[in-house]
Amino acid sequence: MESYERHLITHAEHPIAAPLSDASADALLDAALAHVPDGAGRLLDLGCGEGAWPLRALAARPAARAVGVDVNGAALAAAARAAEGAGVADRLTLHETSAAGFTSDQPFDAVLCVGATHAFGGLLQTLTSVRPHLAPGGCVVVGEGFWERPPTPAALAALDAVPEEFADLGTTVELVLEDGWAPVFGHTSSLAEWDDYEWHWTGSLTRWVLDHADHPAAAEALETATAHRAGWLGGYRGVLGFVTLVLRAAR
């Protein structure tokens, strides 16, 4: 019987684990690697999951190389299979280790941490940790939540969050500026991107339950999908936003 790997199931039809469309992801990668000529460059994805970002970058840039880091071995195995299928396995290196603990003796032209800042303890801690990985002129691509409007009790309960966990968009950008970073591009996820992401997340898990009704994890998976959908639609939809910033060190 196949194992129950929730992360692989929920992102089966939306590989980027964030509310971003394919066009938005491409625009962010283009901005992050605009300073690197001839489709080259070195990219590091901290918290890469199934490798959606590196795979997309390598497919469009025949001379680029990428490194992905994650603690989920099953996700990394899926990334390796996808890389083989896409013909880019020789340009992708994967490490099963914590994002915070990863070290490298070579710098990177772009360092990504999208939707995984919790691995470092928050946005500013993430920026401090990734700075040593950057080559001169390199860019950080960081994706972080923010409050579209003051959080309601229902939103906080659904997210298991406190009001101080995020700021509004303006304050979030100000914090980045004060920390010595200059935004050179950014994307604020639309409600449509959020809805697309959440419907894929909950829908893929629900479909898995229907197709694996006899699996020991089916009841847990259905409860997870149902609770997630309720928390989104009845709690944080339109309250929690998501911004992805392309940053260069200003000092």
Protein backbone atom coordinates (compact mmCIF):
# COMPACT_ATOMS: atom_id res chain seq x y z
CA MET A 1 0.00 0.00 0.00
CA GLU A 2 1.36 3.40 -0.96
CA SER A 3 2.44 5.72 1.83
CA TYR A 4 0.45 8.79 2.77
CA GLU A 5 2.59 11.82 1.94
CA ARG A 6 0.26 14.75 2.49
CA HIS A 7 2.59 17.43 1.10
CA LEU A 8 3.04 15.50 -2.15
CA ILE A 9 -0.71 15.00 -2.50
CA THR A 10 -1.80 18.55 -1.76
CA HIS A 11 0.71 20.01 -4.21
CA ALA A 12 0.33 17.42 -6.94
CA GLU A 13 -1.53 19.86 -9.20
CA HIS A 14 -0.01 23.08 -7.84
CA PRO A 15 3.70 22.31 -7.38
CA ILE A 16 4.63 25.79 -6.15
CA ALA A 17 3.69 25.70 -2.48
CA ALA A 18 2.45 29.28 -2.40
CA PRO A 19 -0.42 31.31 -3.91
CA LEU A 20 1.42 32.14 -7.12
CA SER A 21 0.45 31.51 -10.73
CA ASP A 22 2.91 30.12 -13.25
CA ALA A 23 3.21 33.56 -14.87
CA SER A 24 3.94 35.19 -11.49
CA ALA A 25 6.61 32.60 -10.67
CA ASP A 26 8.28 33.12 -14.03
CA ALA A 27 8.30 36.90 -13.59
CA LEU A 28 9.90 36.57 -10.16
CA LEU A 29 12.61 34.24 -11.44
CA ASP A 30 13.30 36.54 -14.38
CA ALA A 31 13.71 39.48 -12.02
CA ALA A 32 15.94 37.53 -9.64
CA LEU A 33 18.28 36.37 -12.39
CA ALA A 34 18.12 39.42 -14.66
CA HIS A 35 21.72 40.31 -13.81
CA VAL A 36 23.01 36.90 -14.97
CA PRO A 37 23.66 36.68 -18.74
CA ASP A 38 23.13 33.87 -21.22
CA GLY A 39 20.67 31.78 -19.22
CA ALA A 40 23.28 30.92 -16.61
CA GLY A 41 23.46 31.50 -12.88
CA ARG A 42 23.46 29.58 -9.62
CA LEU A 43 20.21 29.29 -7.67
CA LEU A 44 19.61 28.06 -4.12
CA ASP A 45 16.13 27.15 -2.87
CA LEU A 46 15.89 26.80 0.91
CA GLY A 47 12.80 24.75 1.72
CA CYS A 48 12.50 23.54 -1.87
CA GLY A 49 9.94 20.78 -1.31
CA GLU A 50 9.46 18.99 -4.62
CA GLY A 51 11.77 21.42 -6.39
CA ALA A 52 9.19 23.43 -8.32
CA TRP A 53 11.24 26.62 -8.34
CA PRO A 54 14.62 25.08 -9.33
CA LEU A 55 12.99 22.89 -11.96
CA ARG A 56 11.25 25.88 -13.51
CA ALA A 57 14.45 27.94 -13.45
CA LEU A 58 16.59 25.21 -15.00
CA ALA A 59 14.09 24.41 -17.75
CA ALA A 60 14.23 28.00 -18.96
CA ARG A 61 17.99 28.51 -18.50
CA PRO A 62 20.16 25.87 -20.16
CA ALA A 63 23.39 27.00 -18.50
CA ALA A 64 21.99 27.47 -14.99
CA ARG A 65 22.61 25.23 -12.01
CA ALA A 66 20.54 24.88 -8.85
CA VAL A 67 20.65 23.50 -5.33
CA GLY A 68 17.56 22.51 -3.37
CA VAL A 69 17.43 22.01 0.40
CA ASP A 70 14.62 20.42 2.39
CA VAL A 71 14.07 18.14 5.36
CA ASN A 72 11.37 16.09 3.58
CA GLY A 73 13.04 13.11 1.97
CA ALA A 74 9.92 12.06 0.07
CA ALA A 75 9.61 15.52 -1.47
CA LEU A 76 13.27 15.50 -2.49
CA ALA A 77 12.83 12.07 -4.08
CA ALA A 78 9.93 13.48 -6.08
CA ALA A 79 12.11 16.43 -7.10
CA ALA A 80 14.84 14.06 -8.28
CA ARG A 81 12.35 12.07 -10.37
CA ALA A 82 10.96 15.24 -11.90
CA ALA A 83 14.45 16.48 -12.70
CA GLU A 84 15.25 13.21 -14.47
CA GLY A 85 12.05 13.49 -16.46
CA ALA A 86 12.81 17.09 -17.43
CA GLY A 87 16.39 16.30 -18.40
CA VAL A 88 17.94 18.66 -15.86
CA ALA A 89 19.10 16.19 -13.18
CA ASP A 90 22.75 16.85 -13.98
CA ARG A 91 22.25 20.52 -13.06
CA LEU A 92 20.26 20.05 -9.83
CA THR A 93 21.79 19.06 -6.49
CA LEU A 94 19.49 18.15 -3.61
CA HIS A 95 20.32 18.12 0.10
CA GLU A 96 18.18 16.53 2.80
CA THR A 97 18.94 18.85 5.67
CA SER A 98 17.48 21.85 7.44
CA ALA A 99 17.41 25.14 5.58
CA ALA A 100 18.95 26.88 8.56
CA GLY A 101 21.76 24.36 8.78
CA PHE A 102 22.76 24.33 5.11
CA THR A 103 26.22 25.62 4.21
CA SER A 104 28.03 26.01 0.90
CA ASP A 105 31.51 27.08 -0.13
CA GLN A 106 30.14 28.76 -3.28
CA PRO A 107 27.83 31.78 -3.44
CA PHE A 108 24.58 31.96 -5.39
CA ASP A 109 23.14 34.49 -7.82
CA ALA A 110 19.65 33.94 -6.41
CA VAL A 111 18.54 32.53 -3.06
CA LEU A 112 14.87 31.58 -2.65
CA CYS A 113 12.82 31.06 0.48
CA VAL A 114 9.18 31.31 -0.52
CA GLY A 115 6.63 30.33 2.08
CA ALA A 116 9.30 28.76 4.30
CA THR A 117 10.53 31.62 6.48
CA HIS A 118 9.27 29.69 9.51
CA ALA A 119 12.34 27.46 9.05
CA PHE A 120 14.46 30.41 10.21
CA GLY A 121 12.05 31.87 12.75
CA GLY A 122 10.55 34.63 10.61
CA LEU A 123 11.15 37.08 7.79
CA LEU A 124 14.04 39.12 9.20
CA GLN A 125 15.79 36.06 10.59
CA THR A 126 15.53 34.50 7.13
CA LEU A 127 17.14 37.51 5.48
CA THR A 128 19.98 37.46 8.01
CA SER A 129 20.58 33.77 7.38
CA VAL A 130 20.54 33.90 3.58
CA ARG A 131 22.82 36.93 3.23
CA PRO A 132 26.06 34.86 3.44
CA HIS A 133 24.86 32.68 0.55
CA LEU A 134 24.58 35.61 -1.88
CA ALA A 135 27.08 36.39 -4.60
CA PRO A 136 27.82 40.11 -5.18
CA GLY A 137 24.80 41.65 -6.88
CA GLY A 138 22.72 38.58 -6.13
CA CYS A 139 19.03 38.59 -5.25
CA VAL A 140 16.93 37.05 -2.51
CA VAL A 141 13.42 35.91 -3.39
CA VAL A 142 11.40 35.71 -0.20
CA GLY A 143 7.69 35.01 0.14
CA GLU A 144 5.88 36.02 3.30
CA GLY A 145 2.36 36.43 4.63
CA PHE A 146 0.89 39.77 5.65
CA TRP A 147 -2.46 41.01 6.90
CA GLU A 148 -4.64 42.35 4.10
CA ARG A 149 -6.86 43.70 6.86
CA PRO A 150 -6.89 43.36 10.65
CA PRO A 151 -7.16 39.67 11.46
CA THR A 152 -10.45 38.38 12.75
CA PRO A 153 -10.72 35.82 15.55
CA ALA A 154 -11.83 33.27 12.94
CA ALA A 155 -8.75 33.95 10.81
CA LEU A 156 -6.40 33.68 13.78
CA ALA A 157 -8.01 30.43 14.89
CA ALA A 158 -7.79 28.93 11.39
CA LEU A 159 -4.12 29.85 11.07
CA ASP A 160 -3.25 29.12 14.71
CA ALA A 161 -1.69 32.57 14.68
CA VAL A 162 -1.49 35.71 16.79
CA PRO A 163 -1.98 39.24 15.43
CA GLU A 164 1.73 40.01 15.85
CA GLU A 165 2.73 37.10 13.61
CA PHE A 166 2.36 39.28 10.50
CA ALA A 167 2.25 42.99 9.72
CA ASP A 168 0.39 44.82 6.98
CA LEU A 169 2.02 45.06 3.55
CA GLY A 170 3.46 48.55 4.01
CA THR A 171 4.99 47.69 7.37
CA THR A 172 6.40 44.44 5.99
CA VAL A 173 8.23 46.29 3.24
CA GLU A 174 9.44 48.94 5.69
CA LEU A 175 10.94 46.23 7.91
CA VAL A 176 12.84 44.88 4.92
CA LEU A 177 14.11 48.34 4.00
CA GLU A 178 15.24 49.04 7.56
CA ASP A 179 17.11 45.73 7.54
CA GLY A 180 19.30 46.93 4.67
CA TRP A 181 17.53 45.45 1.64
CA ALA A 182 16.29 47.12 -1.54
CA PRO A 183 13.23 45.67 -3.30
CA VAL A 184 13.91 45.48 -7.04
CA PHE A 185 10.68 43.63 -7.84
CA GLY A 186 7.75 42.10 -6.06
CA HIS A 187 4.43 40.39 -6.49
CA THR A 188 1.37 40.60 -4.25
CA SER A 189 -0.74 37.50 -4.72
CA SER A 190 -4.27 38.17 -5.94
CA LEU A 191 -7.39 36.66 -4.43
CA ALA A 192 -7.68 34.56 -7.59
CA GLU A 193 -4.19 33.14 -7.02
CA TRP A 194 -5.08 32.38 -3.41
CA ASP A 195 -8.31 30.64 -4.45
CA ASP A 196 -6.55 28.61 -7.13
CA TYR A 197 -3.94 27.47 -4.62
CA GLU A 198 -6.43 26.57 -1.91
CA TRP A 199 -8.85 24.77 -4.22
CA HIS A 200 -5.96 22.67 -5.55
CA TRP A 201 -4.70 21.99 -2.00
CA THR A 202 -8.03 20.86 -0.62
CA GLY A 203 -9.28 19.34 -3.86
CA SER A 204 -6.24 17.16 -4.45
CA LEU A 205 -6.43 15.81 -0.91
CA THR A 206 -10.17 15.18 -1.18
CA ARG A 207 -9.71 13.36 -4.50
CA TRP A 208 -7.01 11.20 -2.90
CA VAL A 209 -9.42 10.23 -0.11
CA LEU A 210 -12.11 9.24 -2.61
CA ASP A 211 -9.61 7.15 -4.57
CA HIS A 212 -8.08 5.54 -1.47
CA ALA A 213 -11.09 5.02 0.77
CA ASP A 214 -9.60 1.86 2.28
CA HIS A 215 -6.27 3.48 3.16
CA PRO A 216 -5.55 3.70 6.92
CA ALA A 217 -4.89 7.43 6.53
CA ALA A 218 -8.10 8.19 4.59
CA ALA A 219 -10.07 9.41 7.61
CA GLU A 220 -7.24 11.66 8.76
CA ALA A 221 -6.80 13.04 5.25
CA LEU A 222 -10.51 13.81 4.90
CA GLU A 223 -10.55 15.55 8.28
CA THR A 224 -7.49 17.60 7.24
CA ALA A 225 -9.03 18.63 3.92
CA THR A 226 -12.35 19.52 5.52
CA ALA A 227 -10.79 21.56 8.32
CA HIS A 228 -8.42 23.36 5.95
CA ARG A 229 -11.24 24.30 3.58
CA ALA A 230 -13.40 25.57 6.43
CA GLY A 231 -10.53 27.57 7.92
CA TRP A 232 -9.78 29.16 4.57
CA LEU A 233 -13.34 29.96 3.45
CA GLY A 234 -14.64 30.84 6.90
CA GLY A 235 -11.49 32.37 8.35
CA TYR A 236 -8.50 33.79 6.51
CA ARG A 237 -9.77 34.22 2.93
CA GLY A 238 -9.27 37.90 2.09
CA VAL A 239 -7.56 38.47 5.45
CA LEU A 240 -4.16 36.83 4.97
CA GLY A 241 -2.17 38.13 2.02
CA PHE A 242 1.06 36.91 0.49
CA VAL A 243 3.88 39.00 -0.96
CA THR A 244 6.96 37.72 -2.77
CA LEU A 245 9.84 40.19 -2.85
CA VAL A 246 12.99 40.21 -4.96
CA LEU A 247 15.64 41.93 -2.85
CA ARG A 248 19.22 43.09 -3.23
CA ALA A 249 21.45 44.03 -0.35
CA ALA A 250 21.57 47.82 0.01
CA ARG A 251 24.27 47.71 2.66
